[in-house]
Protein backbone atom coordinates (compact mmCIF):
# COMPACT_ATOMS: atom_id res chain seq x y z
CA MET A 1 227.76 96.06 44.63
CA THR A 2 226.21 96.82 47.79
CA THR A 3 223.30 94.18 48.12
CA GLY A 4 221.27 94.04 50.68
CA GLN A 5 222.20 91.17 52.43
CA GLY A 6 223.07 93.12 56.28
CA GLN A 7 220.19 95.17 55.78
CA PRO A 8 217.16 92.08 55.61
CA LEU A 9 214.60 94.72 55.16
CA ALA A 10 216.52 96.76 52.13
CA GLY A 11 214.21 97.24 49.10
CA THR A 12 210.65 96.42 50.91
CA TRP A 13 209.08 99.54 49.70
CA THR A 14 210.19 98.94 46.16
CA LEU A 15 208.94 96.03 46.14
CA VAL A 16 205.36 97.28 47.19
CA ARG A 17 205.26 99.41 44.73
CA PHE A 18 206.17 97.10 42.67
CA ALA A 19 203.13 94.60 43.43
CA LEU A 20 200.17 97.44 43.80
CA ARG A 21 201.34 97.99 39.99
CA ARG A 22 201.17 94.67 39.45
CA ASP A 23 197.69 94.27 41.26
CA ARG A 24 196.23 97.93 39.84
CA VAL A 25 192.98 95.44 38.25
CA ARG A 26 193.22 92.21 40.87
CA LEU A 27 193.02 94.15 44.23
CA PRO A 28 190.78 96.34 43.21
CA VAL A 29 188.18 94.08 41.70
CA TRP A 30 188.11 92.18 44.99
CA ILE A 31 187.79 95.19 46.68
CA LEU A 32 185.00 96.65 45.04
CA ALA A 33 183.45 93.56 44.84
CA THR A 34 183.84 92.64 48.68
CA THR A 35 182.04 96.07 49.33
CA LEU A 36 179.40 95.83 46.71
CA VAL A 37 178.19 92.49 47.29
CA SER A 38 177.82 93.56 51.17
CA MET A 39 175.50 96.24 50.14
CA SER A 40 174.00 94.40 47.90
CA SER A 41 172.80 92.25 50.64
CA LEU A 42 172.20 95.35 52.86
CA SER A 43 169.66 96.40 50.42
CA SER A 44 167.90 92.80 50.10
CA PHE A 45 167.72 92.33 54.09
CA GLN A 46 165.78 95.28 53.73
CA THR A 47 163.39 93.99 51.31
CA GLN A 48 162.99 90.91 51.99
CA TYR A 49 162.26 91.43 55.34
CA ALA A 50 160.98 94.73 55.66
CA THR A 51 158.95 94.46 59.27
CA ALA A 52 159.73 92.81 62.64
CA ALA A 53 157.94 89.79 61.80
CA ASP A 54 159.76 88.90 59.04
CA ARG A 55 162.80 89.44 60.86
CA ALA A 56 161.59 87.13 63.71
CA THR A 57 160.72 84.39 61.69
CA ALA A 58 164.50 84.51 59.61
CA ALA A 59 165.68 84.64 63.30
CA GLU A 60 163.88 81.34 64.00
CA THR A 61 164.70 79.68 60.74
CA LEU A 62 168.32 80.88 61.00
CA GLY A 63 168.39 80.17 64.50
CA GLY A 64 168.05 75.90 64.23
CA PRO A 65 171.54 74.24 64.22
CA ALA A 66 171.65 73.99 60.01
CA GLY A 67 170.75 77.96 59.99
CA LEU A 68 173.87 78.33 63.08
CA ALA A 69 176.10 76.59 61.22
CA MET A 70 175.75 78.68 57.80
CA THR A 71 175.00 81.83 59.77
CA GLY A 72 177.52 82.75 62.77
CA PRO A 73 176.62 81.97 66.45
CA GLU A 74 173.47 82.21 67.89
CA ARG A 75 174.39 85.68 70.48
CA TYR A 76 172.88 87.25 67.36
CA VAL A 77 169.12 85.53 66.79
CA GLU A 78 168.72 86.29 70.62
CA GLY A 79 167.66 89.56 70.87
CA PRO A 80 164.10 90.47 71.77
CA ASP A 81 164.28 92.14 67.44
CA TYR A 82 166.55 90.78 64.80
CA THR A 83 167.84 94.31 63.54
CA TYR A 84 168.92 94.41 60.41
CA GLY A 85 172.73 95.06 62.32
CA ALA A 86 172.18 91.83 63.52
CA MET A 87 171.10 90.48 60.76
CA THR A 88 173.86 92.31 58.20
CA ALA A 89 176.95 91.10 61.13
CA HIS A 90 175.45 87.73 61.56
CA GLN A 91 175.21 86.75 57.82
CA LEU A 92 177.66 88.67 56.36
CA ILE A 93 180.96 88.09 58.44
CA GLY A 94 181.65 84.92 58.38
CA TYR A 95 181.73 84.88 54.24
CA LEU A 96 183.34 88.23 54.31
CA ALA A 97 186.05 86.34 55.86
CA ILE A 98 186.26 83.40 53.53
CA THR A 99 186.28 85.93 50.95
CA VAL A 100 188.95 88.11 52.58
CA GLY A 101 191.31 85.34 53.70
CA LEU A 102 191.21 83.63 50.26
CA MET A 103 192.12 87.25 48.82
CA SER A 104 195.40 86.94 51.62
CA VAL A 105 195.89 83.75 50.70
CA LEU A 106 196.50 84.05 46.68
CA THR A 107 198.00 88.16 47.33
CA VAL A 108 200.94 86.06 49.66
CA VAL A 109 201.62 83.41 47.60
CA ARG A 110 201.73 85.27 44.23
CA HIS A 111 204.50 88.19 45.59
CA THR A 112 206.22 85.80 47.30
CA ARG A 113 206.48 81.63 46.41
CA THR A 114 205.53 82.38 43.11
CA GLU A 115 208.00 85.01 42.85
CA GLU A 116 210.41 81.99 43.64
CA GLU A 117 209.04 79.47 41.65
CA THR A 118 209.86 81.60 38.61
CA GLY A 119 213.33 82.45 39.23
CA ARG A 120 212.69 85.98 39.92
CA ALA A 121 213.12 86.56 43.34
CA GLU A 122 216.41 84.85 43.19
CA LEU A 123 217.60 87.67 40.36
CA LEU A 124 216.32 90.93 42.82
CA ARG A 125 217.86 89.16 45.90
CA ALA A 126 221.13 89.78 43.79
CA ASN A 127 220.68 93.03 43.99
CA VAL A 128 219.47 95.92 46.76
CA VAL A 129 217.30 93.41 48.15
CA GLY A 130 217.18 92.02 51.48
CA ARG A 131 216.32 88.29 53.19
CA HIS A 132 212.93 89.39 54.55
CA ALA A 133 211.90 92.49 51.61
CA GLN A 134 209.77 90.09 49.94
CA LEU A 135 207.83 88.19 52.23
CA ALA A 136 206.88 91.79 54.23
CA ALA A 137 206.13 93.54 50.76
CA GLY A 138 203.90 90.39 49.85
CA LEU A 139 201.79 90.70 54.08
CA THR A 140 202.35 94.70 53.20
CA VAL A 141 199.99 94.20 49.78
CA ALA A 142 197.62 91.95 51.93
CA VAL A 143 197.37 93.98 55.10
CA ALA A 144 196.21 97.06 52.95
CA ALA A 145 193.91 95.58 50.71
CA ASN A 146 192.47 93.82 53.67
CA LEU A 147 192.02 97.77 55.34
CA ALA A 148 190.97 98.84 52.52
CA ILE A 149 188.66 96.79 52.48
CA GLY A 150 187.53 97.01 56.23
CA LEU A 151 187.30 100.59 55.97
CA LEU A 152 185.29 100.50 53.21
CA LEU A 153 183.09 98.06 54.80
CA ALA A 154 182.72 101.07 57.41
CA ALA A 155 182.16 103.88 55.63
CA THR A 156 179.71 102.50 53.34
CA LEU A 157 177.06 100.26 55.84
CA GLY A 158 177.79 103.30 58.36
CA GLY A 159 176.18 105.72 56.02
CA SER A 160 173.77 103.58 54.08
CA GLY A 161 171.17 105.39 57.44
CA VAL A 162 169.74 101.61 57.07
CA GLU A 163 168.30 101.44 60.80
CA THR A 164 170.28 99.90 63.83
CA VAL A 165 173.44 99.41 61.83
CA THR A 166 175.42 102.51 63.49
CA GLY A 167 178.68 103.39 62.81
CA SER A 168 180.43 102.34 65.12
CA GLY A 169 178.89 98.72 64.18
CA SER A 170 179.94 99.55 60.74
CA LEU A 171 183.68 100.17 62.19
CA LEU A 172 184.14 97.11 64.26
CA LEU A 173 181.93 95.11 61.54
CA GLY A 174 185.47 96.23 59.43
CA ALA A 175 187.57 95.72 62.03
CA ALA A 176 186.55 92.73 62.34
CA VAL A 177 186.66 91.31 58.69
CA ALA A 178 189.79 93.04 58.32
CA ALA A 179 191.66 91.09 61.45
CA ALA A 180 190.62 88.05 59.89
CA GLY A 181 191.87 88.77 56.71
CA ILE A 182 195.13 89.89 57.97
CA GLY A 183 195.50 86.63 60.06
CA PHE A 184 195.28 84.52 56.99
CA ALA A 185 197.84 86.40 55.58
CA ALA A 186 200.32 85.48 58.23
CA ILE A 187 199.00 81.99 57.69
CA THR A 188 199.71 81.67 54.64
CA ALA A 189 203.33 82.97 55.33
CA VAL A 190 203.86 80.92 56.70
CA GLY A 191 202.37 77.62 54.20
CA VAL A 192 205.01 79.64 51.98
CA GLN A 193 208.11 79.03 53.55
CA ILE A 194 206.75 75.15 54.23
CA SER A 195 205.93 74.33 50.26
CA THR A 196 208.31 74.53 46.96
CA PHE A 197 205.75 75.21 44.91
CA SER A 198 202.47 78.09 44.74
CA ARG A 199 200.27 75.06 43.96
CA GLY A 200 201.18 73.95 47.37
CA ALA A 201 201.51 77.06 49.39
CA SER A 202 197.80 78.38 48.08
CA GLY A 203 196.57 74.69 49.32
CA LEU A 204 197.84 75.43 52.59
CA GLY A 205 196.47 78.80 52.74
CA MET A 206 193.03 77.84 51.51
CA ALA A 207 192.85 74.78 53.70
CA ALA A 208 193.87 76.97 56.56
CA VAL A 209 190.30 79.43 55.57
CA GLY A 210 188.34 75.72 54.96
CA VAL A 211 189.07 74.70 58.57
CA ALA A 212 188.29 77.93 60.30
CA PHE A 213 185.53 77.66 58.34
CA ALA A 214 184.70 74.42 60.31
CA LEU A 215 185.97 74.94 63.52
CA ARG A 216 183.38 77.94 63.58
CA ALA A 217 180.71 75.76 62.33
CA VAL A 218 180.51 73.40 64.87
CA GLY A 219 181.17 75.34 67.71
CA ASP A 220 178.00 77.22 66.97
CA ILE A 221 176.00 74.19 66.86
CA GLY A 222 176.57 73.31 70.30
CA SER A 223 180.31 73.01 71.03
CA ASP A 224 181.21 76.78 71.97
CA PRO A 225 184.67 76.56 72.67
CA VAL A 226 185.76 75.00 69.18
CA SER A 227 184.55 78.43 67.79
CA TRP A 228 187.31 79.82 69.83
CA LEU A 229 189.57 77.74 67.83
CA SER A 230 188.96 79.60 64.84
CA PRO A 231 190.04 83.00 63.53
CA ILE A 232 186.03 83.63 62.01
CA GLY A 233 184.50 82.58 65.35
CA TRP A 234 186.90 85.29 66.84
CA ALA A 235 185.50 88.03 64.14
CA GLN A 236 182.08 86.88 64.75
CA ARG A 237 182.58 86.59 68.63
CA THR A 238 182.94 91.37 68.28
CA TYR A 239 179.36 90.67 68.22
CA ALA A 240 178.92 94.38 65.59
CA TYR A 241 175.85 96.18 65.78
CA VAL A 242 174.50 93.92 68.97
CA ASP A 243 177.53 93.65 72.16
CA ASP A 244 180.24 95.57 69.75
CA ARG A 245 182.84 94.11 71.83
CA TRP A 246 186.74 94.58 70.23
CA TRP A 247 189.10 92.98 72.46
CA PRO A 248 187.90 89.21 70.57
CA LEU A 249 190.18 91.11 67.56
CA LEU A 250 192.90 90.95 69.58
CA LEU A 251 193.16 86.91 68.62
CA ASN A 252 193.47 88.11 65.13
CA LEU A 253 196.45 90.59 66.04
CA ALA A 254 197.82 87.74 68.17
CA LEU A 255 197.30 85.48 65.83
CA ALA A 256 198.70 87.48 62.55
CA ALA A 257 201.63 88.46 64.91
CA ALA A 258 203.06 85.44 65.96
CA CYS A 259 203.02 83.92 62.35
CA ALA A 260 203.76 86.29 60.37
CA ALA A 261 207.13 86.52 62.99
CA ALA A 262 207.32 82.26 62.68
CA ALA A 263 207.65 83.20 59.23
CA PHE A 264 210.43 85.71 58.95
CA THR A 265 212.22 82.97 61.51
CA LEU A 266 211.72 80.30 59.24
CA SER A 267 212.64 81.68 56.02
CA THR A 268 216.02 82.00 57.03
CA ARG A 269 216.62 77.94 57.68
CA ARG A 270 215.64 77.51 53.94
CA ASP A 271 217.42 78.22 50.21
CA VAL A 272 216.17 80.53 48.19
CA GLY A 273 213.32 78.68 45.71
CA ALA A 274 213.65 75.15 48.51
CA GLY A 275 210.45 74.95 50.99
CA LEU A 276 211.12 73.42 54.40
CA ARG A 277 209.16 70.39 53.32
CA PRO A 278 210.94 69.22 50.43
CA PRO A 279 209.32 67.73 47.27
CA ARG A 280 208.19 63.94 47.25
CA PRO A 281 210.91 62.13 44.58
CA GLY A 282 208.63 61.05 41.21
CA ARG A 283 208.91 57.74 40.12
CA PRO A 284 211.60 56.59 37.97
CA ALA A 285 209.09 56.51 35.00
CA ALA A 286 205.89 58.26 33.68
CA SER A 287 202.77 55.78 34.03
CA GLU A 288 201.34 55.45 30.87
CA ALA A 289 198.69 58.61 31.84
CA LEU A 290 201.27 60.80 32.19
CA SER A 291 202.38 60.45 28.19
CA ARG A 292 198.86 61.73 27.45
CA PRO A 293 198.28 64.71 26.63
CA LEU A 294 194.67 64.28 28.60
CA GLY A 295 196.32 62.36 31.24
CA PHE A 296 198.69 65.27 31.90
CA ALA A 297 196.56 67.62 32.69
CA LEU A 298 194.41 65.91 34.64
CA ARG A 299 197.23 65.51 36.78
CA LEU A 300 198.09 69.60 37.24
CA HIS A 301 194.67 70.27 37.57
CA ARG A 302 194.20 67.07 40.08
CA GLY A 303 194.32 69.29 42.96
CA VAL A 304 192.92 72.23 41.76
CA LEU A 305 189.50 69.33 40.76
CA LEU A 306 189.55 67.93 44.19
CA GLY A 307 189.39 71.54 46.30
CA PHE A 308 186.36 72.96 43.97
CA ALA A 309 184.93 69.40 44.16
CA ALA A 310 185.05 69.13 48.19
CA GLY A 311 184.11 73.07 48.15
CA GLY A 312 180.94 72.69 46.31
CA LEU A 313 179.79 68.87 48.04
CA LEU A 314 180.53 71.20 51.60
CA PHE A 315 178.59 74.31 50.23
CA SER A 316 175.53 71.86 49.15
CA LEU A 317 175.67 70.40 52.07
CA MET A 318 174.76 72.91 53.85
CA TYR A 319 172.36 74.59 51.88
CA GLY A 320 170.57 71.27 51.45
CA SER A 321 170.11 71.09 55.72
CA ILE A 322 167.36 73.87 55.80
CA LEU A 323 165.44 72.92 52.68
CA GLY A 324 163.20 71.54 55.27
CA SER A 325 162.53 75.22 56.95
CA ALA A 326 162.18 77.19 53.74
CA GLU A 327 158.33 76.73 54.07
CA ASP A 328 158.64 78.41 57.20
CA MET A 329 161.05 80.76 56.55
CA ILE A 330 158.50 82.36 54.05
CA ARG A 331 155.74 81.97 54.44
CA GLU A 332 155.59 85.49 56.56
CA ASN A 333 157.83 87.10 53.95
CA GLU A 334 156.14 89.02 51.33
CA GLN A 335 159.31 89.32 49.61
CA LEU A 336 160.17 85.86 48.93
CA ARG A 337 156.18 84.49 48.67
CA GLU A 338 156.53 87.19 45.07
CA LEU A 339 159.93 85.25 44.05
CA THR A 340 159.27 81.80 44.96
CA GLU A 341 156.06 82.50 42.96
CA GLN A 342 157.19 84.29 40.21
CA LEU A 343 159.68 81.05 39.84
CA GLY A 344 156.86 78.33 39.89
CA GLY A 345 156.86 75.28 41.56
CA GLY A 346 156.87 74.52 45.29
CA VAL A 347 158.17 76.42 48.30
CA VAL A 348 160.81 73.43 48.21
CA GLU A 349 161.97 74.00 44.73
CA SER A 350 161.92 77.35 44.54
CA PHE A 351 164.53 78.09 47.03
CA ALA A 352 166.10 75.28 46.04
CA SER A 353 166.29 77.04 42.40
CA VAL A 354 168.08 80.17 43.85
CA VAL A 355 170.75 78.28 45.37
CA MET A 356 171.31 75.65 43.24
CA THR A 357 172.74 79.57 41.16
CA VAL A 358 175.24 79.37 43.94
CA LEU A 359 176.35 76.43 43.40
CA VAL A 360 176.98 76.80 39.29
CA VAL A 361 178.87 79.65 40.49
CA LEU A 362 180.78 77.65 42.29
CA ALA A 363 181.24 75.59 39.20
CA ALA A 364 181.92 78.48 36.53
CA CYS A 365 184.64 79.48 38.61
CA TYR A 366 186.23 75.97 38.33
CA VAL A 367 185.75 75.85 34.82
CA VAL A 368 187.66 78.90 34.67
CA VAL A 369 190.20 78.15 36.90
CA ALA A 370 190.41 75.12 34.44
CA ALA A 371 190.97 76.42 31.38
CA LEU A 372 192.79 79.10 31.99
CA ARG A 373 195.38 76.90 33.55
CA ALA A 374 196.49 77.01 29.40
CA ARG A 375 197.45 80.34 29.69
CA THR A 376 200.27 79.79 32.91
CA GLU A 377 201.38 76.65 31.53
CA GLU A 378 202.30 79.10 28.62
CA THR A 379 203.65 82.48 30.23
CA GLY A 380 205.59 80.00 32.84
CA GLY A 381 207.39 78.42 30.18
CA ARG A 382 206.40 75.27 30.42
CA ALA A 383 204.26 75.04 26.97
CA GLU A 384 207.04 75.90 25.19
CA PRO A 385 208.98 72.72 25.45
CA VAL A 386 205.96 70.19 25.36
CA LEU A 387 205.24 71.85 21.80
CA ALA A 388 208.63 71.36 21.21
CA THR A 389 207.88 67.51 20.48
CA GLY A 390 205.32 66.24 18.01
CA LEU A 391 202.52 67.19 20.13
CA SER A 392 199.81 69.58 18.48
CA ARG A 393 198.65 72.82 19.49
CA THR A 394 194.79 71.19 19.18
CA ARG A 395 195.48 68.53 21.24
CA TRP A 396 197.78 70.13 24.33
CA LEU A 397 194.58 72.81 24.51
CA ALA A 398 191.89 70.04 24.16
CA SER A 399 193.43 68.29 26.85
CA HIS A 400 193.59 71.07 29.48
CA LEU A 401 190.23 72.31 28.01
CA THR A 402 188.47 68.36 28.37
CA VAL A 403 189.36 68.93 32.11
CA SER A 404 187.69 71.56 32.47
CA LEU A 405 184.39 70.89 30.88
CA VAL A 406 184.30 67.71 32.09
CA GLY A 407 186.06 68.28 35.82
CA GLY A 408 183.42 71.65 36.12
CA THR A 409 180.59 69.31 34.87
CA ALA A 410 181.62 66.68 37.81
CA VAL A 411 182.03 69.79 40.34
CA LEU A 412 178.28 71.09 39.15
CA LEU A 413 176.81 67.20 39.77
CA LEU A 414 178.36 65.99 42.64
CA ALA A 415 177.12 69.48 44.37
CA GLY A 416 173.68 68.63 42.85
CA LEU A 417 173.81 65.42 44.18
CA GLY A 418 174.93 66.62 48.03
CA PHE A 419 172.54 68.98 47.89
CA GLY A 420 169.70 66.44 47.32
CA LEU A 421 171.10 64.38 49.75
CA SER A 422 171.07 66.76 52.41
CA GLY A 423 167.79 68.61 51.51
CA ALA A 424 166.18 65.52 51.26
CA ALA A 425 167.30 64.08 54.97
CA SER A 426 165.74 67.68 56.30
CA THR A 427 162.85 67.01 54.18
CA ASP A 428 161.59 63.55 54.69
CA ASP A 429 161.11 63.56 50.45
CA TRP A 430 164.03 61.44 48.77
CA SER A 431 162.58 62.27 45.42
CA LEU A 432 164.82 65.59 45.68
CA VAL A 433 167.67 63.57 45.14
CA PRO A 434 167.47 62.75 41.70
CA ALA A 435 165.28 65.91 41.22
CA LEU A 436 167.77 68.26 42.27
CA THR A 437 170.85 66.10 40.86
CA GLY A 438 169.08 66.33 37.92
CA ALA A 439 168.74 69.62 37.65
CA SER A 440 172.62 70.35 38.62
CA LEU A 441 173.27 69.13 35.33
CA ALA A 442 170.46 71.03 33.37
CA TYR A 443 173.26 73.84 34.22
CA ALA A 444 176.00 72.53 31.97
CA PRO A 445 176.04 74.30 29.36
CA ALA A 446 175.99 77.26 31.03
CA LEU A 447 180.07 75.78 32.31
CA TRP A 448 180.19 75.19 28.67
CA VAL A 449 179.68 78.56 27.72
CA THR A 450 181.56 80.08 30.16
CA ALA A 451 184.63 77.43 29.52
CA GLY A 452 184.36 79.05 25.97
CA VAL A 453 184.26 82.25 26.70
CA ALA A 454 187.98 81.41 28.21
CA VAL A 455 189.26 79.74 25.99
CA ALA A 456 188.36 82.02 22.91
CA LEU A 457 189.98 85.17 25.20
CA PHE A 458 193.00 82.93 25.78
CA GLY A 459 193.38 81.61 21.51
CA TRP A 460 192.82 85.51 20.53
CA LEU A 461 194.10 87.95 23.23
CA PRO A 462 195.76 86.49 25.54
CA ASN A 463 196.81 89.01 27.91
CA ALA A 464 193.17 89.53 28.43
CA SER A 465 192.76 86.07 29.58
CA ALA A 466 191.64 86.81 32.63
CA ALA A 467 188.58 89.02 31.90
CA ALA A 468 186.69 85.59 31.65
CA TRP A 469 186.65 86.11 35.24
CA ALA A 470 183.17 88.41 34.72
CA VAL A 471 181.25 85.34 33.21
CA PRO A 472 180.74 84.32 36.77
CA GLY A 473 180.65 86.85 38.67
CA TYR A 474 178.31 89.12 36.33
CA SER A 475 175.52 85.69 36.55
CA PHE A 476 176.03 85.67 41.04
CA LEU A 477 175.50 89.65 40.09
CA VAL A 478 172.17 89.72 37.90
CA VAL A 479 171.10 86.08 38.73
CA TYR A 480 171.15 85.19 42.19
CA LEU A 481 171.71 88.70 43.46
CA GLY A 482 169.31 90.44 41.32
CA ASP A 483 166.07 88.68 41.76
CA LEU A 484 167.11 89.74 45.60
CA ILE A 485 167.27 93.19 44.86
CA ASP A 486 165.55 93.74 41.79
CA LEU A 487 167.57 94.85 38.86
CA PRO A 488 166.21 94.83 35.76
CA ASP A 489 165.28 90.94 33.86
CA TRP A 490 167.29 91.72 30.93
CA LEU A 491 169.85 92.25 32.63
CA ALA A 492 170.10 88.28 33.26
CA ASP A 493 169.99 88.09 29.23
CA PHE A 494 174.19 88.47 29.30
CA SER A 495 174.91 85.83 31.34
CA PRO A 496 174.91 81.66 30.23
CA ILE A 497 173.43 80.90 33.67
CA GLY A 498 170.41 83.74 33.41
CA HIS A 499 169.14 81.26 29.62
CA VAL A 500 169.02 78.40 31.49
CA PRO A 501 165.19 77.41 33.31
CA GLN A 502 165.68 77.66 36.89
CA VAL A 503 164.78 73.66 37.37
CA PRO A 504 163.68 71.95 39.75
CA ALA A 505 160.98 74.86 39.84
CA ALA A 506 160.27 75.35 36.44
CA ALA A 507 159.51 72.73 33.43
CA LEU A 508 162.79 71.72 31.61
CA GLU A 509 163.07 73.07 28.25
CA TRP A 510 165.88 71.75 25.50
CA THR A 511 165.62 74.84 22.91
CA PRO A 512 168.23 76.97 25.09
CA LEU A 513 169.87 74.26 26.43
CA LEU A 514 171.24 73.34 22.81
CA VAL A 515 171.59 76.55 21.42
CA LEU A 516 174.11 77.61 24.91
CA THR A 517 175.92 74.38 23.69
CA ALA A 518 176.29 75.28 20.06
CA VAL A 519 177.45 78.85 21.29
CA ALA A 520 179.93 77.14 23.80
CA ALA A 521 180.91 75.01 20.27
CA GLY A 522 181.50 77.94 18.53
CA LEU A 523 183.89 79.70 21.21
CA ILE A 524 185.60 76.61 21.90
CA TRP A 525 186.54 76.43 17.73
CA LEU A 526 186.96 80.39 17.78
CA GLY A 527 189.52 79.87 21.03
CA LEU A 528 191.21 76.92 19.04
CA ALA A 529 191.62 78.77 16.21
CA GLY A 530 193.16 81.79 17.30
CA PHE A 531 195.51 79.42 18.94
CA ASN A 532 196.71 78.18 16.61
CA ARG A 533 197.43 81.34 14.83
CA ARG A 534 198.97 83.29 16.77
CA ASP A 535 202.47 83.05 18.90
CA LEU A 536 203.65 81.37 21.88
CA ASP A 537 204.36 84.01 24.64
CA CYS A 538 207.76 83.03 25.89
CA LYS A 539 209.12 84.49 28.76
C-alpha cells in the first residue's frame, strides 16, 4: 500500500475538509459572536458618547494608567478629538486579539494534539497521510477562521456608516485582529510539539495569550519598549482610524512564519503521540485523596480551575483600578447617567454592578467547562473503566459536579475580593471590600443554575451538551450588552443572571436567589436521573 511518508503534506486538504466538517458549528459561532460583539460595542459607543464632550471625558478617563492598561496605547486618546474610530480601535483591538487568540489555541490543539492523544492521528498516518499533514491542516483551519473574522470585521465596521469609522481603517483593524490570531495559532503549534497532552498544549497557548496581554499592558502604562514584545501590542500599534499604519503587522506575520517553521521542524524530532517534554513520572502509589471520586475529580480539574481563578483575579484588579474614575467618566455622559440611575445607588456602586456582570459571566464559563468534563471523560473512554468498578454513576458525576459548583463559586468569590481590594485602593473607600465580595456571592445561585443546565443536557441529551455554552453567552449579550444597546428588559428574564438583583447598587432580595437555587437543584436531579437511565457513549 502506498503511504504518504515520501510526501510530508500528502492528504492535507482532505484533513482540512474533515476539520471544517467537524467544526461546522463551533467556528461559525466564534466568528459570528466576535463580529456581533464588535458591532454591538460600536453601537453602544454611539449611544453612550453622543457628543464630542462625552468622548473627551472618556478619553481623559482612559488616558490614565489604569485605563491604558485595560485598553491600549495612549496615541489613540492624544488626538484633538477621541473619534468613534479611535475609540473602537483603542477599546476593541486588545480584547478581540484575546478572543481570536483563544479560538486559535483551541482550534490548533483540537486538530493536532487531541488527535494524537486519542490515537486517531496514528491510524490516519498509517494511510496516505504525510507526516506534516495533521499540523498543516490544523494551522490552515485556524488561519482561515482568523481571516474570516478579519474580513467580517472589515465589512461590518466599514459599512456601518459611523462617522470616522472608515473603510480603510476597518480593513486595517480586521487585518490586525486576524494577524494576532494567526500568530497565536503558530505559537500554539510549537506548544503542541512540546506537551504530550492536549490540556498542556492548550495551557501553553493560553499562557502565551495572557503574557502577550500583560506585556502590552505594562508597556502602555509607561514602558513602551515592553509593548513591542507582544503580538497584541503590534496589532494595537497599527493605530487603525488614527494613523493607519500597516507595517507593524509584518511583525505578527514574521512571528507566525517563524513559529510555524519551528513547529514543523520540531515535529520531526518526536514520535507520534509523544511530546518533546516527557511527562513527569507519577508517585509510586496514589494519595488517599486520589483514591476517592472527589479528590480524583479535583485533580483532573486543577489546571483549568487555577487558570480561571487567575484570569478572574486579573480582570477584577484591572476593573477595580478604574472605580475611582467612575464618577468623572459618568458625570458628563447622559446615557451612562441614565443607566446608573436605573440601577440605583451611588455612581461607584452602579458602575461596580455593571462590571460584576462580566466577572459572573467569566465564572459561568468555568462552570460550564467543569460540568462538561464528565462528557469529555465519557467520550474519551475513561469513564467506562472507572464505572466498571464499585463506583456508582451518581457518585462519579456528583464528584465532577461538586468541583464545578464549588470551584465556580470560588472563582467568583476571588474575583469579587480582587475587585473590592483594587476598587478600595482606587477610591480610598475600604468598605467596598466586604460590599463587593459579598455582592459576588449573590450571583452564586445563577452559576448553580448554569451548572444544572449543563448536567441536565449531559444526562438526557449528551450529544447536545455543548449547548450549555448558550447560557453564559446569552447572559453576556442580554444582561451586560443589553443595557448598552437598549435591548428589551424581558430578554434578561431568560438568563439566570438576569434574575439576580444587581448588587451592590440594588438592594439584596432573597426570594429570587432561593428560587434560582431550587431550579438548580431540580436541574441537577434531572441530569443525574437521566445519566443513570442512559447507556454510556463508548467510542
